[in-house]
Amino acid sequence: FPVTVFHNPACGTSRNVVAAIRQVGREPEVVEYLKSGW
């Protein structure tokens, strides 16, 4: 069940989302869009 998070590690909401995904047993693909761009 693929999960992708377009993430900013400096953002608490974004960190909470990654933690919530991991809590339910999924390992998200984390895209730091400030580095990779759009």
All heavy atoms as atom14 arrays in JSON, in Angstrom:
{
  "sequence": "FPVTVFHNPACGTSRNVVAAIRQVGREPEVVEYLKSGW",
  "atom14_mask": [
    [1, 1, 1, 1, 1, 1, 1, 1, 1, 1, 1, 0, 0, 0],
    [1, 1, 1, 1, 1, 1, 1, 0, 0, 0, 0, 0, 0, 0],
    [1, 1, 1, 1, 1, 1, 1, 0, 0, 0, 0, 0, 0, 0],
    [1, 1, 1, 1, 1, 1, 1, 0, 0, 0, 0, 0, 0, 0],
    [1, 1, 1, 1, 1, 1, 1, 0, 0, 0, 0, 0, 0, 0],
    [1, 1, 1, 1, 1, 1, 1, 1, 1, 1, 1, 0, 0, 0],
    [1, 1, 1, 1, 1, 1, 1, 1, 1, 1, 0, 0, 0, 0],
    [1, 1, 1, 1, 1, 1, 1, 1, 0, 0, 0, 0, 0, 0],
    [1, 1, 1, 1, 1, 1, 1, 0, 0, 0, 0, 0, 0, 0],
    [1, 1, 1, 1, 1, 0, 0, 0, 0, 0, 0, 0, 0, 0],
    [1, 1, 1, 1, 1, 1, 0, 0, 0, 0, 0, 0, 0, 0],
    [1, 1, 1, 1, 0, 0, 0, 0, 0, 0, 0, 0, 0, 0],
    [1, 1, 1, 1, 1, 1, 1, 0, 0, 0, 0, 0, 0, 0],
    [1, 1, 1, 1, 1, 1, 0, 0, 0, 0, 0, 0, 0, 0],
    [1, 1, 1, 1, 1, 1, 1, 1, 1, 1, 1, 0, 0, 0],
    [1, 1, 1, 1, 1, 1, 1, 1, 0, 0, 0, 0, 0, 0],
    [1, 1, 1, 1, 1, 1, 1, 0, 0, 0, 0, 0, 0, 0],
    [1, 1, 1, 1, 1, 1, 1, 0, 0, 0, 0, 0, 0, 0],
    [1, 1, 1, 1, 1, 0, 0, 0, 0, 0, 0, 0, 0, 0],
    [1, 1, 1, 1, 1, 0, 0, 0, 0, 0, 0, 0, 0, 0],
    [1, 1, 1, 1, 1, 1, 1, 1, 0, 0, 0, 0, 0, 0],
    [1, 1, 1, 1, 1, 1, 1, 1, 1, 1, 1, 0, 0, 0],
    [1, 1, 1, 1, 1, 1, 1, 1, 1, 0, 0, 0, 0, 0],
    [1, 1, 1, 1, 1, 1, 1, 0, 0, 0, 0, 0, 0, 0],
    [1, 1, 1, 1, 0, 0, 0, 0, 0, 0, 0, 0, 0, 0],
    [1, 1, 1, 1, 1, 1, 1, 1, 1, 1, 1, 0, 0, 0],
    [1, 1, 1, 1, 1, 1, 1, 1, 1, 0, 0, 0, 0, 0],
    [1, 1, 1, 1, 1, 1, 1, 0, 0, 0, 0, 0, 0, 0],
    [1, 1, 1, 1, 1, 1, 1, 1, 1, 0, 0, 0, 0, 0],
    [1, 1, 1, 1, 1, 1, 1, 0, 0, 0, 0, 0, 0, 0],
    [1, 1, 1, 1, 1, 1, 1, 0, 0, 0, 0, 0, 0, 0],
    [1, 1, 1, 1, 1, 1, 1, 1, 1, 0, 0, 0, 0, 0],
    [1, 1, 1, 1, 1, 1, 1, 1, 1, 1, 1, 1, 0, 0],
    [1, 1, 1, 1, 1, 1, 1, 1, 0, 0, 0, 0, 0, 0],
    [1, 1, 1, 1, 1, 1, 1, 1, 1, 0, 0, 0, 0, 0],
    [1, 1, 1, 1, 1, 1, 0, 0, 0, 0, 0, 0, 0, 0],
    [1, 1, 1, 1, 0, 0, 0, 0, 0, 0, 0, 0, 0, 0],
    [1, 1, 1, 1, 1, 1, 1, 1, 1, 1, 1, 1, 1, 1]
  ],
  "atom14_positions": [
    [[0.87, -1.17, 0.0], [0.0, 0.0, 0.0], [0.91, 1.23, 0.0], [1.31, 1.72, 1.04], [-0.92, 0.01, 1.23], [-1.97, 1.1, 1.16], [-3.15, 0.89, 0.47], [-1.74, 2.34, 1.74], [-4.11, 1.9, 0.39], [-2.68, 3.35, 1.67], [-3.88, 3.13, 0.99], [0.0, 0.0, 0.0], [0.0, 0.0, 0.0], [0.0, 0.0, 0.0]],
    [[1.26, 1.7, -1.2], [2.22, 2.8, -1.27], [1.65, 4.11, -0.74], [0.5, 4.45, -0.99], [2.53, 2.9, -2.77], [1.36, 2.29, -3.45], [0.82, 1.24, -2.51], [0.0, 0.0, 0.0], [0.0, 0.0, 0.0], [0.0, 0.0, 0.0], [0.0, 0.0, 0.0], [0.0, 0.0, 0.0], [0.0, 0.0, 0.0], [0.0, 0.0, 0.0]],
    [[2.49, 4.81, 0.02], [2.14, 6.1, 0.6], [3.3, 7.05, 0.31], [4.45, 6.75, 0.64], [1.93, 6.01, 2.12], [1.58, 7.38, 2.7], [0.88, 4.98, 2.49], [0.0, 0.0, 0.0], [0.0, 0.0, 0.0], [0.0, 0.0, 0.0], [0.0, 0.0, 0.0], [0.0, 0.0, 0.0], [0.0, 0.0, 0.0], [0.0, 0.0, 0.0]],
    [[2.99, 8.17, -0.29], [3.99, 9.21, -0.54], [3.59, 10.45, 0.23], [2.44, 10.88, 0.17], [4.1, 9.54, -2.05], [4.43, 8.34, -2.75], [5.17, 10.59, -2.3], [0.0, 0.0, 0.0], [0.0, 0.0, 0.0], [0.0, 0.0, 0.0], [0.0, 0.0, 0.0], [0.0, 0.0, 0.0], [0.0, 0.0, 0.0], [0.0, 0.0, 0.0]],
    [[4.56, 11.01, 0.95], [4.34, 12.24, 1.7], [5.26, 13.31, 1.13], [6.49, 13.14, 1.13], [4.63, 12.07, 3.2], [4.4, 13.39, 3.94], [3.79, 10.97, 3.79], [0.0, 0.0, 0.0], [0.0, 0.0, 0.0], [0.0, 0.0, 0.0], [0.0, 0.0, 0.0], [0.0, 0.0, 0.0], [0.0, 0.0, 0.0], [0.0, 0.0, 0.0]],
    [[4.68, 14.39, 0.66], [5.44, 15.55, 0.24], [5.62, 16.38, 1.51], [4.67, 16.97, 2.02], [4.72, 16.29, -0.89], [4.63, 15.43, -2.12], [3.53, 14.6, -2.33], [5.66, 15.4, -3.04], [3.45, 13.78, -3.44], [5.6, 14.57, -4.16], [4.49, 13.77, -4.36], [0.0, 0.0, 0.0], [0.0, 0.0, 0.0], [0.0, 0.0, 0.0]],
    [[6.83, 16.38, 2.02], [7.15, 16.65, 3.43], [8.13, 17.81, 3.57], [9.04, 17.98, 2.76], [7.76, 15.36, 3.98], [8.28, 15.41, 5.37], [7.5, 15.65, 6.46], [9.54, 15.21, 5.85], [8.24, 15.59, 7.56], [9.48, 15.33, 7.21], [0.0, 0.0, 0.0], [0.0, 0.0, 0.0], [0.0, 0.0, 0.0], [0.0, 0.0, 0.0]],
    [[7.94, 18.56, 4.66], [8.9, 19.56, 5.11], [9.25, 19.18, 6.54], [8.41, 19.3, 7.43], [8.31, 20.97, 5.04], [9.26, 22.02, 5.55], [10.3, 21.73, 6.13], [8.91, 23.27, 5.34], [0.0, 0.0, 0.0], [0.0, 0.0, 0.0], [0.0, 0.0, 0.0], [0.0, 0.0, 0.0], [0.0, 0.0, 0.0], [0.0, 0.0, 0.0]],
    [[10.47, 18.69, 6.78], [10.82, 18.22, 8.12], [10.81, 19.33, 9.18], [10.76, 19.03, 10.38], [12.21, 17.62, 7.95], [12.74, 18.21, 6.69], [11.56, 18.5, 5.82], [0.0, 0.0, 0.0], [0.0, 0.0, 0.0], [0.0, 0.0, 0.0], [0.0, 0.0, 0.0], [0.0, 0.0, 0.0], [0.0, 0.0, 0.0], [0.0, 0.0, 0.0]],
    [[10.8, 20.59, 8.79], [10.73, 21.7, 9.74], [9.31, 21.97, 10.22], [9.1, 22.76, 11.13], [11.33, 22.96, 9.12], [0.0, 0.0, 0.0], [0.0, 0.0, 0.0], [0.0, 0.0, 0.0], [0.0, 0.0, 0.0], [0.0, 0.0, 0.0], [0.0, 0.0, 0.0], [0.0, 0.0, 0.0], [0.0, 0.0, 0.0], [0.0, 0.0, 0.0]],
    [[8.33, 21.31, 9.61], [6.91, 21.55, 9.91], [6.38, 20.47, 10.85], [6.44, 19.27, 10.54], [6.13, 21.54, 8.6], [4.35, 21.57, 8.79], [0.0, 0.0, 0.0], [0.0, 0.0, 0.0], [0.0, 0.0, 0.0], [0.0, 0.0, 0.0], [0.0, 0.0, 0.0], [0.0, 0.0, 0.0], [0.0, 0.0, 0.0], [0.0, 0.0, 0.0]],
    [[5.83, 20.9, 12.0], [5.28, 19.96, 12.96], [4.13, 19.14, 12.4], [4.03, 17.94, 12.67], [0.0, 0.0, 0.0], [0.0, 0.0, 0.0], [0.0, 0.0, 0.0], [0.0, 0.0, 0.0], [0.0, 0.0, 0.0], [0.0, 0.0, 0.0], [0.0, 0.0, 0.0], [0.0, 0.0, 0.0], [0.0, 0.0, 0.0], [0.0, 0.0, 0.0]],
    [[3.26, 19.76, 11.62], [2.15, 19.02, 11.02], [2.67, 17.93, 10.1], [2.19, 16.79, 10.12], [1.21, 19.98, 10.25], [0.72, 20.96, 11.15], [0.05, 19.23, 9.61], [0.0, 0.0, 0.0], [0.0, 0.0, 0.0], [0.0, 0.0, 0.0], [0.0, 0.0, 0.0], [0.0, 0.0, 0.0], [0.0, 0.0, 0.0], [0.0, 0.0, 0.0]],
    [[3.68, 18.26, 9.32], [4.26, 17.29, 8.41], [4.92, 16.14, 9.19], [4.73, 14.96, 8.84], [5.29, 18.0, 7.51], [5.52, 17.29, 6.34], [0.0, 0.0, 0.0], [0.0, 0.0, 0.0], [0.0, 0.0, 0.0], [0.0, 0.0, 0.0], [0.0, 0.0, 0.0], [0.0, 0.0, 0.0], [0.0, 0.0, 0.0], [0.0, 0.0, 0.0]],
    [[5.62, 16.46, 10.25], [6.23, 15.4, 11.07], [5.16, 14.52, 11.7], [5.31, 13.29, 11.77], [7.13, 16.0, 12.16], [8.39, 16.64, 11.61], [9.37, 17.01, 12.73], [8.8, 17.85, 13.76], [8.79, 19.18, 13.75], [9.33, 19.84, 12.74], [8.25, 19.86, 14.77], [0.0, 0.0, 0.0], [0.0, 0.0, 0.0], [0.0, 0.0, 0.0]],
    [[4.06, 15.12, 12.16], [2.96, 14.33, 12.73], [2.39, 13.37, 11.72], [2.03, 12.23, 12.05], [1.86, 15.26, 13.26], [2.18, 15.86, 14.6], [2.79, 15.23, 15.45], [1.77, 17.1, 14.8], [0.0, 0.0, 0.0], [0.0, 0.0, 0.0], [0.0, 0.0, 0.0], [0.0, 0.0, 0.0], [0.0, 0.0, 0.0], [0.0, 0.0, 0.0]],
    [[2.26, 13.81, 10.48], [1.7, 12.95, 9.44], [2.61, 11.75, 9.17], [2.14, 10.61, 9.09], [1.42, 13.76, 8.15], [1.22, 12.85, 6.95], [0.22, 14.67, 8.36], [0.0, 0.0, 0.0], [0.0, 0.0, 0.0], [0.0, 0.0, 0.0], [0.0, 0.0, 0.0], [0.0, 0.0, 0.0], [0.0, 0.0, 0.0], [0.0, 0.0, 0.0]],
    [[3.89, 11.98, 9.07], [4.83, 10.87, 8.86], [4.74, 9.9, 10.03], [4.68, 8.68, 9.84], [6.26, 11.38, 8.63], [7.26, 10.23, 8.63], [6.35, 12.16, 7.31], [0.0, 0.0, 0.0], [0.0, 0.0, 0.0], [0.0, 0.0, 0.0], [0.0, 0.0, 0.0], [0.0, 0.0, 0.0], [0.0, 0.0, 0.0], [0.0, 0.0, 0.0]],
    [[4.69, 10.41, 11.25], [4.57, 9.55, 12.44], [3.27, 8.76, 12.42], [3.26, 7.57, 12.77], [4.67, 10.4, 13.71], [0.0, 0.0, 0.0], [0.0, 0.0, 0.0], [0.0, 0.0, 0.0], [0.0, 0.0, 0.0], [0.0, 0.0, 0.0], [0.0, 0.0, 0.0], [0.0, 0.0, 0.0], [0.0, 0.0, 0.0], [0.0, 0.0, 0.0]],
    [[2.17, 9.4, 12.03], [0.87, 8.71, 11.99], [0.89, 7.57, 10.98], [0.36, 6.48, 11.24], [-0.23, 9.7, 11.64], [0.0, 0.0, 0.0], [0.0, 0.0, 0.0], [0.0, 0.0, 0.0], [0.0, 0.0, 0.0], [0.0, 0.0, 0.0], [0.0, 0.0, 0.0], [0.0, 0.0, 0.0], [0.0, 0.0, 0.0], [0.0, 0.0, 0.0]],
    [[1.5, 7.79, 9.85], [1.59, 6.75, 8.82], [2.39, 5.57, 9.35], [1.99, 4.41, 9.19], [2.2, 7.32, 7.53], [1.26, 8.36, 6.91], [2.52, 6.2, 6.54], [1.9, 9.22, 5.84], [0.0, 0.0, 0.0], [0.0, 0.0, 0.0], [0.0, 0.0, 0.0], [0.0, 0.0, 0.0], [0.0, 0.0, 0.0], [0.0, 0.0, 0.0]],
    [[3.48, 5.87, 10.0], [4.31, 4.8, 10.56], [3.59, 4.08, 11.7], [3.75, 2.87, 11.86], [5.64, 5.37, 11.03], [6.52, 5.76, 9.84], [7.84, 6.35, 10.25], [8.67, 6.53, 9.05], [9.54, 7.53, 8.9], [9.74, 8.4, 9.88], [10.22, 7.62, 7.77], [0.0, 0.0, 0.0], [0.0, 0.0, 0.0], [0.0, 0.0, 0.0]],
    [[2.78, 4.79, 12.46], [2.04, 4.18, 13.57], [1.11, 3.08, 13.07], [0.88, 2.1, 13.76], [1.23, 5.23, 14.33], [0.42, 4.64, 15.47], [-0.37, 5.67, 16.24], [0.11, 6.76, 16.5], [-1.59, 5.33, 16.62], [0.0, 0.0, 0.0], [0.0, 0.0, 0.0], [0.0, 0.0, 0.0], [0.0, 0.0, 0.0], [0.0, 0.0, 0.0]],
    [[0.57, 3.24, 11.87], [-0.34, 2.22, 11.34], [0.4, 1.16, 10.52], [-0.22, 0.36, 9.83], [-1.51, 2.84, 10.51], [-2.36, 3.73, 11.4], [-1.01, 3.56, 9.28], [0.0, 0.0, 0.0], [0.0, 0.0, 0.0], [0.0, 0.0, 0.0], [0.0, 0.0, 0.0], [0.0, 0.0, 0.0], [0.0, 0.0, 0.0], [0.0, 0.0, 0.0]],
    [[1.72, 1.15, 10.59], [2.5, 0.09, 9.97], [2.86, 0.3, 8.52], [3.24, -0.65, 7.84], [0.0, 0.0, 0.0], [0.0, 0.0, 0.0], [0.0, 0.0, 0.0], [0.0, 0.0, 0.0], [0.0, 0.0, 0.0], [0.0, 0.0, 0.0], [0.0, 0.0, 0.0], [0.0, 0.0, 0.0], [0.0, 0.0, 0.0], [0.0, 0.0, 0.0]],
    [[2.77, 1.51, 8.05], [3.16, 1.82, 6.67], [4.44, 2.64, 6.7], [4.62, 3.49, 7.57], [2.07, 2.62, 5.94], [0.74, 1.9, 5.85], [0.84, 0.75, 4.87], [-0.41, 0.01, 4.79], [-0.55, -1.25, 5.15], [0.48, -1.91, 5.61], [-1.7, -1.85, 5.03], [0.0, 0.0, 0.0], [0.0, 0.0, 0.0], [0.0, 0.0, 0.0]],
    [[5.32, 2.39, 5.76], [6.54, 3.18, 5.64], [6.41, 4.05, 4.4], [6.42, 3.56, 3.28], [7.78, 2.29, 5.53], [9.09, 3.06, 5.53], [9.26, 3.98, 6.74], [8.89, 3.6, 7.88], [9.77, 5.09, 6.55], [0.0, 0.0, 0.0], [0.0, 0.0, 0.0], [0.0, 0.0, 0.0], [0.0, 0.0, 0.0], [0.0, 0.0, 0.0]],
    [[6.23, 5.36, 4.61], [6.0, 6.24, 3.47], [7.27, 6.53, 2.68], [8.38, 6.52, 3.23], [5.49, 7.52, 4.13], [6.18, 7.54, 5.46], [6.22, 6.09, 5.88], [0.0, 0.0, 0.0], [0.0, 0.0, 0.0], [0.0, 0.0, 0.0], [0.0, 0.0, 0.0], [0.0, 0.0, 0.0], [0.0, 0.0, 0.0], [0.0, 0.0, 0.0]],
    [[7.07, 6.81, 1.41], [8.12, 7.44, 0.63], [8.03, 8.92, 0.99], [6.99, 9.54, 0.82], [7.9, 7.24, -0.87], [8.93, 7.98, -1.7], [8.65, 7.93, -3.19], [7.71, 7.24, -3.62], [9.37, 8.63, -3.93], [0.0, 0.0, 0.0], [0.0, 0.0, 0.0], [0.0, 0.0, 0.0], [0.0, 0.0, 0.0], [0.0, 0.0, 0.0]],
    [[9.11, 9.45, 1.51], [9.12, 10.84, 1.95], [9.86, 11.66, 0.91], [11.02, 11.4, 0.6], [9.81, 10.97, 3.33], [9.93, 12.44, 3.74], [9.02, 10.18, 4.37], [0.0, 0.0, 0.0], [0.0, 0.0, 0.0], [0.0, 0.0, 0.0], [0.0, 0.0, 0.0], [0.0, 0.0, 0.0], [0.0, 0.0, 0.0], [0.0, 0.0, 0.0]],
    [[9.16, 12.65, 0.36], [9.74, 13.54, -0.64], [9.9, 14.91, 0.01], [8.9, 15.56, 0.34], [8.83, 13.64, -1.89], [9.41, 14.63, -2.89], [8.62, 12.27, -2.51], [0.0, 0.0, 0.0], [0.0, 0.0, 0.0], [0.0, 0.0, 0.0], [0.0, 0.0, 0.0], [0.0, 0.0, 0.0], [0.0, 0.0, 0.0], [0.0, 0.0, 0.0]],
    [[11.13, 15.31, 0.22], [11.4, 16.64, 0.77], [11.37, 17.63, -0.4], [12.38, 17.92, -1.02], [12.72, 16.66, 1.52], [12.67, 15.88, 2.81], [13.9, 16.06, 3.67], [14.48, 17.17, 3.67], [14.27, 15.09, 4.35], [0.0, 0.0, 0.0], [0.0, 0.0, 0.0], [0.0, 0.0, 0.0], [0.0, 0.0, 0.0], [0.0, 0.0, 0.0]],
    [[10.19, 18.13, -0.66], [9.96, 18.92, -1.86], [10.71, 20.24, -1.88], [10.93, 20.8, -2.95], [8.46, 19.13, -2.09], [7.81, 20.01, -1.05], [7.74, 21.39, -1.22], [7.27, 19.47, 0.11], [7.15, 22.19, -0.26], [6.68, 20.26, 1.06], [6.63, 21.64, 0.87], [6.06, 22.43, 1.82], [0.0, 0.0, 0.0], [0.0, 0.0, 0.0]],
    [[11.14, 20.73, -0.73], [11.94, 21.96, -0.73], [13.32, 21.69, -1.33], [13.95, 22.6, -1.87], [12.07, 22.54, 0.67], [10.78, 23.08, 1.28], [11.02, 23.56, 2.71], [10.18, 24.19, 0.43], [0.0, 0.0, 0.0], [0.0, 0.0, 0.0], [0.0, 0.0, 0.0], [0.0, 0.0, 0.0], [0.0, 0.0, 0.0], [0.0, 0.0, 0.0]],
    [[13.78, 20.45, -1.24], [15.06, 20.06, -1.84], [14.87, 19.61, -3.29], [15.64, 19.98, -4.17], [15.71, 18.92, -1.05], [16.18, 19.31, 0.32], [16.8, 18.11, 1.02], [17.25, 18.44, 2.43], [17.8, 17.26, 3.1], [0.0, 0.0, 0.0], [0.0, 0.0, 0.0], [0.0, 0.0, 0.0], [0.0, 0.0, 0.0], [0.0, 0.0, 0.0]],
    [[13.86, 18.78, -3.51], [13.67, 18.18, -4.85], [12.93, 19.1, -5.8], [13.05, 18.97, -7.02], [12.93, 16.86, -4.74], [11.61, 17.06, -4.24], [0.0, 0.0, 0.0], [0.0, 0.0, 0.0], [0.0, 0.0, 0.0], [0.0, 0.0, 0.0], [0.0, 0.0, 0.0], [0.0, 0.0, 0.0], [0.0, 0.0, 0.0], [0.0, 0.0, 0.0]],
    [[12.13, 20.01, -5.26], [11.32, 20.89, -6.1], [10.08, 20.18, -6.61], [9.8, 19.04, -6.26], [0.0, 0.0, 0.0], [0.0, 0.0, 0.0], [0.0, 0.0, 0.0], [0.0, 0.0, 0.0], [0.0, 0.0, 0.0], [0.0, 0.0, 0.0], [0.0, 0.0, 0.0], [0.0, 0.0, 0.0], [0.0, 0.0, 0.0], [0.0, 0.0, 0.0]],
    [[9.34, 20.92, -7.42], [8.11, 20.41, -8.03], [8.23, 20.48, -9.53], [8.95, 21.31, -10.06], [6.92, 21.29, -7.62], [6.56, 21.25, -6.19], [6.85, 22.19, -5.25], [5.83, 20.22, -5.51], [6.35, 21.81, -4.03], [5.72, 20.61, -4.17], [5.26, 19.02, -5.92], [5.06, 19.85, -3.21], [4.6, 18.26, -4.97], [4.5, 18.66, -3.65]]
  ]
}
